[in-house]
Amino acid sequence: MTQLKHPIDLLGAVKSSSGIACAIAKTKEDGLVSVIWNEDKKDWEISDFSIGMIAQAFPMSYDELERLGIEID
């Protein structure tokens, strides 16, 4: 079963797909997986979005990231 690295290790920018925050994250198995932001849990979870779709999506604005509670280092 694929598991995300913790703390989360995002590859590139957080993107927006129809208003959903999504990104590409590294896994414990040294792979990559698509993730979406769960607003209720304030955490990333594995999604069924394709990595290609996320790569082509537009980056989220800092205002939107802040509104969602997503902290970027």
PDB file of N, CA and C in Angstrom:
ATOM      1  N   MET A   1       0.841  -1.180   0.000  1.00  0.00           N
ATOM      2  CA  MET A   1       0.000   0.000   0.000  1.00  0.00           C
ATOM      3  C   MET A   1       0.885   1.241   0.000  1.00  0.00           C
ATOM      4  N   THR A   2       0.560   2.187  -0.847  1.00  0.00           N
ATOM      5  CA  THR A   2       1.340   3.412  -0.949  1.00  0.00           C
ATOM      6  C   THR A   2       1.126   4.284   0.277  1.00  0.00           C
ATOM      7  N   GLN A   3       2.231   4.812   0.825  1.00  0.00           N
ATOM      8  CA  GLN A   3       2.155   5.679   1.998  1.00  0.00           C
ATOM      9  C   GLN A   3       2.921   6.957   1.724  1.00  0.00           C
ATOM     10  N   LEU A   4       2.349   8.077   2.153  1.00  0.00           N
ATOM     11  CA  LEU A   4       3.002   9.368   1.986  1.00  0.00           C
ATOM     12  C   LEU A   4       4.120   9.539   2.994  1.00  0.00           C
ATOM     13  N   LYS A   5       5.167  10.241   2.579  1.00  0.00           N
ATOM     14  CA  LYS A   5       6.218  10.621   3.523  1.00  0.00           C
ATOM     15  C   LYS A   5       5.638  11.668   4.474  1.00  0.00           C
ATOM     16  N   HIS A   6       6.048  11.589   5.721  1.00  0.00           N
ATOM     17  CA  HIS A   6       5.646  12.606   6.707  1.00  0.00           C
ATOM     18  C   HIS A   6       6.875  13.119   7.399  1.00  0.00           C
ATOM     19  N   PRO A   7       7.090  14.430   7.460  1.00  0.00           N
ATOM     20  CA  PRO A   7       6.169  15.439   6.941  1.00  0.00           C
ATOM     21  C   PRO A   7       6.051  15.333   5.430  1.00  0.00           C
ATOM     22  N   ILE A   8       4.940  15.830   4.916  1.00  0.00           N
ATOM     23  CA  ILE A   8       4.655  15.744   3.482  1.00  0.00           C
ATOM     24  C   ILE A   8       5.793  16.370   2.680  1.00  0.00           C
ATOM     25  N   ASP A   9       6.134  15.743   1.582  1.00  0.00           N
ATOM     26  CA  ASP A   9       7.212  16.221   0.720  1.00  0.00           C
ATOM     27  C   ASP A   9       6.632  16.433  -0.679  1.00  0.00           C
ATOM     28  N   LEU A  10       6.192  17.673  -0.949  1.00  0.00           N
ATOM     29  CA  LEU A  10       5.577  17.993  -2.230  1.00  0.00           C
ATOM     30  C   LEU A  10       6.643  18.270  -3.275  1.00  0.00           C
ATOM     31  N   LEU A  11       6.371  17.833  -4.475  1.00  0.00           N
ATOM     32  CA  LEU A  11       7.263  18.062  -5.600  1.00  0.00           C
ATOM     33  C   LEU A  11       6.641  19.177  -6.446  1.00  0.00           C
ATOM     34  N   GLY A  12       7.173  20.381  -6.315  1.00  0.00           N
ATOM     35  CA  GLY A  12       6.633  21.500  -7.075  1.00  0.00           C
ATOM     36  C   GLY A  12       5.536  22.242  -6.331  1.00  0.00           C
ATOM     37  N   ALA A  13       4.818  23.059  -7.085  1.00  0.00           N
ATOM     38  CA  ALA A  13       3.809  23.951  -6.511  1.00  0.00           C
ATOM     39  C   ALA A  13       2.489  23.227  -6.249  1.00  0.00           C
ATOM     40  N   VAL A  14       1.706  23.795  -5.331  1.00  0.00           N
ATOM     41  CA  VAL A  14       0.333  23.353  -5.142  1.00  0.00           C
ATOM     42  C   VAL A  14      -0.471  23.928  -6.298  1.00  0.00           C
ATOM     43  N   LYS A  15      -1.264  23.088  -6.936  1.00  0.00           N
ATOM     44  CA  LYS A  15      -2.032  23.491  -8.108  1.00  0.00           C
ATOM     45  C   LYS A  15      -3.523  23.503  -7.783  1.00  0.00           C
ATOM     46  N   SER A  16      -4.308  24.032  -8.712  1.00  0.00           N
ATOM     47  CA  SER A  16      -5.757  24.067  -8.557  1.00  0.00           C
ATOM     48  C   SER A  16      -6.412  23.346  -9.719  1.00  0.00           C
ATOM     49  N   SER A  17      -7.246  22.362  -9.405  1.00  0.00           N
ATOM     50  CA  SER A  17      -8.038  21.669 -10.409  1.00  0.00           C
ATOM     51  C   SER A  17      -9.502  21.845 -10.034  1.00  0.00           C
ATOM     52  N   SER A  18     -10.180  22.713 -10.766  1.00  0.00           N
ATOM     53  CA  SER A  18     -11.591  23.044 -10.471  1.00  0.00           C
ATOM     54  C   SER A  18     -11.759  23.491  -9.021  1.00  0.00           C
ATOM     55  N   GLY A  19     -10.786  24.247  -8.527  1.00  0.00           N
ATOM     56  CA  GLY A  19     -10.845  24.774  -7.167  1.00  0.00           C
ATOM     57  C   GLY A  19     -10.351  23.830  -6.096  1.00  0.00           C
ATOM     58  N   ILE A  20      -9.945  22.637  -6.471  1.00  0.00           N
ATOM     59  CA  ILE A  20      -9.418  21.655  -5.513  1.00  0.00           C
ATOM     60  C   ILE A  20      -7.903  21.777  -5.483  1.00  0.00           C
ATOM     61  N   ALA A  21      -7.360  21.947  -4.277  1.00  0.00           N
ATOM     62  CA  ALA A  21      -5.902  22.022  -4.127  1.00  0.00           C
ATOM     63  C   ALA A  21      -5.320  20.632  -4.341  1.00  0.00           C
ATOM     64  N   CYS A  22      -4.366  20.538  -5.265  1.00  0.00           N
ATOM     65  CA  CYS A  22      -3.751  19.255  -5.570  1.00  0.00           C
ATOM     66  C   CYS A  22      -2.257  19.449  -5.784  1.00  0.00           C
ATOM     67  N   ALA A  23      -1.525  18.360  -5.665  1.00  0.00           N
ATOM     68  CA  ALA A  23      -0.071  18.420  -5.807  1.00  0.00           C
ATOM     69  C   ALA A  23       0.461  17.021  -6.076  1.00  0.00           C
ATOM     70  N   ILE A  24       1.753  16.958  -6.314  1.00  0.00           N
ATOM     71  CA  ILE A  24       2.451  15.688  -6.457  1.00  0.00           C
ATOM     72  C   ILE A  24       3.338  15.535  -5.230  1.00  0.00           C
ATOM     73  N   ALA A  25       3.250  14.385  -4.573  1.00  0.00           N
ATOM     74  CA  ALA A  25       3.992  14.160  -3.330  1.00  0.00           C
ATOM     75  C   ALA A  25       4.849  12.914  -3.431  1.00  0.00           C
ATOM     76  N   LYS A  26       5.907  12.904  -2.657  1.00  0.00           N
ATOM     77  CA  LYS A  26       6.787  11.736  -2.585  1.00  0.00           C
ATOM     78  C   LYS A  26       6.211  10.726  -1.595  1.00  0.00           C
ATOM     79  N   THR A  27       6.482   9.444  -1.883  1.00  0.00           N
ATOM     80  CA  THR A  27       6.002   8.376  -1.015  1.00  0.00           C
ATOM     81  C   THR A  27       7.159   7.768  -0.227  1.00  0.00           C
ATOM     82  N   LYS A  28       6.819   6.992   0.798  1.00  0.00           N
ATOM     83  CA  LYS A  28       7.829   6.291   1.586  1.00  0.00           C
ATOM     84  C   LYS A  28       8.595   5.283   0.743  1.00  0.00           C
ATOM     85  N   GLU A  29       7.966   4.833  -0.344  1.00  0.00           N
ATOM     86  CA  GLU A  29       8.581   3.847  -1.232  1.00  0.00           C
ATOM     87  C   GLU A  29       9.431   4.505  -2.321  1.00  0.00           C
ATOM     88  N   ASP A  30       9.717   5.800  -2.162  1.00  0.00           N
ATOM     89  CA  ASP A  30      10.503   6.586  -3.114  1.00  0.00           C
ATOM     90  C   ASP A  30       9.811   6.773  -4.466  1.00  0.00           C
ATOM     91  N   GLY A  31       8.497   6.738  -4.471  1.00  0.00           N
ATOM     92  CA  GLY A  31       7.724   7.000  -5.677  1.00  0.00           C
ATOM     93  C   GLY A  31       7.034   8.350  -5.593  1.00  0.00           C
ATOM     94  N   LEU A  32       6.160   8.592  -6.556  1.00  0.00           N
ATOM     95  CA  LEU A  32       5.370   9.815  -6.591  1.00  0.00           C
ATOM     96  C   LEU A  32       3.896   9.454  -6.679  1.00  0.00           C
ATOM     97  N   VAL A  33       3.062  10.289  -6.089  1.00  0.00           N
ATOM     98  CA  VAL A  33       1.624  10.055  -6.103  1.00  0.00           C
ATOM     99  C   VAL A  33       0.911  11.409  -6.106  1.00  0.00           C
ATOM    100  N   SER A  34      -0.276  11.437  -6.666  1.00  0.00           N
ATOM    101  CA  SER A  34      -1.065  12.679  -6.624  1.00  0.00           C
ATOM    102  C   SER A  34      -1.790  12.761  -5.288  1.00  0.00           C
ATOM    103  N   VAL A  35      -1.900  13.981  -4.784  1.00  0.00           N
ATOM    104  CA  VAL A  35      -2.576  14.215  -3.509  1.00  0.00           C
ATOM    105  C   VAL A  35      -3.515  15.408  -3.645  1.00  0.00           C
ATOM    106  N   ILE A  36      -4.553  15.414  -2.818  1.00  0.00           N
ATOM    107  CA  ILE A  36      -5.447  16.562  -2.719  1.00  0.00           C
ATOM    108  C   ILE A  36      -5.516  16.989  -1.259  1.00  0.00           C
ATOM    109  N   TRP A  37      -5.845  18.257  -1.049  1.00  0.00           N
ATOM    110  CA  TRP A  37      -5.945  18.817   0.292  1.00  0.00           C
ATOM    111  C   TRP A  37      -7.318  18.531   0.866  1.00  0.00           C
ATOM    112  N   ASN A  38      -7.365  17.920   2.037  1.00  0.00           N
ATOM    113  CA  ASN A  38      -8.614  17.683   2.752  1.00  0.00           C
ATOM    114  C   ASN A  38      -8.819  18.854   3.693  1.00  0.00           C
ATOM    115  N   GLU A  39      -9.780  19.712   3.355  1.00  0.00           N
ATOM    116  CA  GLU A  39      -9.996  20.931   4.140  1.00  0.00           C
ATOM    117  C   GLU A  39     -10.439  20.639   5.565  1.00  0.00           C
ATOM    118  N   ASP A  40     -11.221  19.578   5.775  1.00  0.00           N
ATOM    119  CA  ASP A  40     -11.701  19.248   7.114  1.00  0.00           C
ATOM    120  C   ASP A  40     -10.572  18.764   8.022  1.00  0.00           C
ATOM    121  N   LYS A  41      -9.715  17.896   7.475  1.00  0.00           N
ATOM    122  CA  LYS A  41      -8.609  17.333   8.260  1.00  0.00           C
ATOM    123  C   LYS A  41      -7.372  18.226   8.256  1.00  0.00           C
ATOM    124  N   LYS A  42      -7.346  19.215   7.337  1.00  0.00           N
ATOM    125  CA  LYS A  42      -6.168  20.083   7.158  1.00  0.00           C
ATOM    126  C   LYS A  42      -4.921  19.246   6.909  1.00  0.00           C
ATOM    127  N   ASP A  43      -5.070  18.303   5.952  1.00  0.00           N
ATOM    128  CA  ASP A  43      -3.970  17.397   5.633  1.00  0.00           C
ATOM    129  C   ASP A  43      -4.118  16.924   4.189  1.00  0.00           C
ATOM    130  N   TRP A  44      -3.025  16.418   3.642  1.00  0.00           N
ATOM    131  CA  TRP A  44      -3.018  15.880   2.289  1.00  0.00           C
ATOM    132  C   TRP A  44      -3.440  14.428   2.305  1.00  0.00           C
ATOM    133  N   GLU A  45      -4.154  13.998   1.249  1.00  0.00           N
ATOM    134  CA  GLU A  45      -4.512  12.594   1.111  1.00  0.00           C
ATOM    135  C   GLU A  45      -4.319  12.167  -0.343  1.00  0.00           C
ATOM    136  N   ILE A  46      -4.031  10.907  -0.536  1.00  0.00           N
ATOM    137  CA  ILE A  46      -3.805  10.367  -1.875  1.00  0.00           C
ATOM    138  C   ILE A  46      -5.086  10.484  -2.691  1.00  0.00           C
ATOM    139  N   SER A  47      -4.924  10.871  -3.958  1.00  0.00           N
ATOM    140  CA  SER A  47      -6.081  11.047  -4.834  1.00  0.00           C
ATOM    141  C   SER A  47      -5.948  10.172  -6.076  1.00  0.00           C
ATOM    142  N   ASP A  48      -7.007  10.166  -6.877  1.00  0.00           N
ATOM    143  CA  ASP A  48      -6.965   9.436  -8.139  1.00  0.00           C
ATOM    144  C   ASP A  48      -6.705  10.369  -9.324  1.00  0.00           C
ATOM    145  N   PHE A  49      -6.342  11.632  -9.052  1.00  0.00           N
ATOM    146  CA  PHE A  49      -5.956  12.550 -10.127  1.00  0.00           C
ATOM    147  C   PHE A  49      -4.690  12.010 -10.791  1.00  0.00           C
ATOM    148  N   SER A  50      -4.603  12.182 -12.090  1.00  0.00           N
ATOM    149  CA  SER A  50      -3.372  11.756 -12.754  1.00  0.00           C
ATOM    150  C   SER A  50      -2.266  12.781 -12.503  1.00  0.00           C
ATOM    151  N   ILE A  51      -1.039  12.303 -12.429  1.00  0.00           N
ATOM    152  CA  ILE A  51       0.102  13.199 -12.228  1.00  0.00           C
ATOM    153  C   ILE A  51       0.214  14.170 -13.395  1.00  0.00           C
ATOM    154  N   GLY A  52      -0.082  13.700 -14.605  1.00  0.00           N
ATOM    155  CA  GLY A  52      -0.047  14.572 -15.778  1.00  0.00           C
ATOM    156  C   GLY A  52      -1.038  15.717 -15.678  1.00  0.00           C
ATOM    157  N   MET A  53      -2.235  15.448 -15.180  1.00  0.00           N
ATOM    158  CA  MET A  53      -3.241  16.490 -15.022  1.00  0.00           C
ATOM    159  C   MET A  53      -2.767  17.544 -14.022  1.00  0.00           C
ATOM    160  N   ILE A  54      -2.195  17.095 -12.920  1.00  0.00           N
ATOM    161  CA  ILE A  54      -1.707  18.037 -11.913  1.00  0.00           C
ATOM    162  C   ILE A  54      -0.557  18.865 -12.476  1.00  0.00           C
ATOM    163  N   ALA A  55       0.317  18.235 -13.227  1.00  0.00           N
ATOM    164  CA  ALA A  55       1.454  18.946 -13.809  1.00  0.00           C
ATOM    165  C   ALA A  55       0.989  20.075 -14.722  1.00  0.00           C
ATOM    166  N   GLN A  56      -0.143  19.913 -15.390  1.00  0.00           N
ATOM    167  CA  GLN A  56      -0.645  20.917 -16.313  1.00  0.00           C
ATOM    168  C   GLN A  56      -1.565  21.950 -15.664  1.00  0.00           C
ATOM    169  N   ALA A  57      -1.986  21.728 -14.425  1.00  0.00           N
ATOM    170  CA  ALA A  57      -2.912  22.646 -13.743  1.00  0.00           C
ATOM    171  C   ALA A  57      -2.204  23.946 -13.372  1.00  0.00           C
ATOM    172  N   PHE A  58      -3.014  24.978 -13.142  1.00  0.00           N
ATOM    173  CA  PHE A  58      -2.471  26.279 -12.753  1.00  0.00           C
ATOM    174  C   PHE A  58      -2.115  26.297 -11.268  1.00  0.00           C
ATOM    175  N   PRO A  59      -1.015  26.966 -10.911  1.00  0.00           N
ATOM    176  CA  PRO A  59      -0.649  27.086  -9.491  1.00  0.00           C
ATOM    177  C   PRO A  59      -1.713  27.856  -8.712  1.00  0.00           C
ATOM    178  N   MET A  60      -1.898  27.487  -7.453  1.00  0.00           N
ATOM    179  CA  MET A  60      -2.814  28.210  -6.575  1.00  0.00           C
ATOM    180  C   MET A  60      -2.152  29.496  -6.120  1.00  0.00           C
ATOM    181  N   SER A  61      -2.961  30.523  -5.908  1.00  0.00           N
ATOM    182  CA  SER A  61      -2.446  31.794  -5.401  1.00  0.00           C
ATOM    183  C   SER A  61      -2.131  31.662  -3.910  1.00  0.00           C
ATOM    184  N   TYR A  62      -1.260  32.531  -3.426  1.00  0.00           N
ATOM    185  CA  TYR A  62      -0.930  32.521  -1.998  1.00  0.00           C
ATOM    186  C   TYR A  62      -2.149  32.839  -1.149  1.00  0.00           C
ATOM    187  N   ASP A  63      -3.029  33.706  -1.652  1.00  0.00           N
ATOM    188  CA  ASP A  63      -4.259  34.031  -0.920  1.00  0.00           C
ATOM    189  C   ASP A  63      -5.134  32.796  -0.745  1.00  0.00           C
ATOM    190  N   GLU A  64      -5.256  32.000  -1.811  1.00  0.00           N
ATOM    191  CA  GLU A  64      -6.066  30.787  -1.750  1.00  0.00           C
ATOM    192  C   GLU A  64      -5.424  29.747  -0.832  1.00  0.00           C
ATOM    193  N   LEU A  65      -4.106  29.599  -0.907  1.00  0.00           N
ATOM    194  CA  LEU A  65      -3.406  28.673  -0.009  1.00  0.00           C
ATOM    195  C   LEU A  65      -3.641  29.066   1.444  1.00  0.00           C
ATOM    196  N   GLU A  66      -3.559  30.350   1.733  1.00  0.00           N
ATOM    197  CA  GLU A  66      -3.773  30.836   3.095  1.00  0.00           C
ATOM    198  C   GLU A  66      -5.209  30.580   3.550  1.00  0.00           C
ATOM    199  N   ARG A  67      -6.181  30.828   2.666  1.00  0.00           N
ATOM    200  CA  ARG A  67      -7.588  30.614   3.001  1.00  0.00           C
ATOM    201  C   ARG A  67      -7.857  29.152   3.351  1.00  0.00           C
ATOM    202  N   LEU A  68      -7.188  28.240   2.639  1.00  0.00           N
ATOM    203  CA  LEU A  68      -7.372  26.809   2.873  1.00  0.00           C
ATOM    204  C   LEU A  68      -6.558  26.286   4.060  1.00  0.00           C
ATOM    205  N   GLY A  69      -5.648  27.090   4.562  1.00  0.00           N
ATOM    206  CA  GLY A  69      -4.816  26.659   5.682  1.00  0.00           C
ATOM    207  C   GLY A  69      -3.631  25.813   5.267  1.00  0.00           C
ATOM    208  N   ILE A  70      -3.189  25.977   4.010  1.00  0.00           N
ATOM    209  CA  ILE A  70      -2.053  25.214   3.510  1.00  0.00           C
ATOM    210  C   ILE A  70      -0.782  26.038   3.740  1.00  0.00           C
ATOM    211  N   GLU A  71       0.143  25.474   4.505  1.00  0.00           N
ATOM    212  CA  GLU A  71       1.402  26.149   4.796  1.00  0.00           C
ATOM    213  C   GLU A  71       2.479  25.626   3.851  1.00  0.00           C
ATOM    214  N   ILE A  72       3.157  26.541   3.192  1.00  0.00           N
ATOM    215  CA  ILE A  72       4.236  26.187   2.268  1.00  0.00           C
ATOM    216  C   ILE A  72       5.543  26.740   2.807  1.00  0.00           C
ATOM    217  N   ASP A  73       6.543  25.873   2.900  1.00  0.00           N
ATOM    218  CA  ASP A  73       7.860  26.313   3.394  1.00  0.00           C
ATOM    219  C   ASP A  73       8.662  26.923   2.281  1.00  0.00           C
TER     220      ASP A  73
END
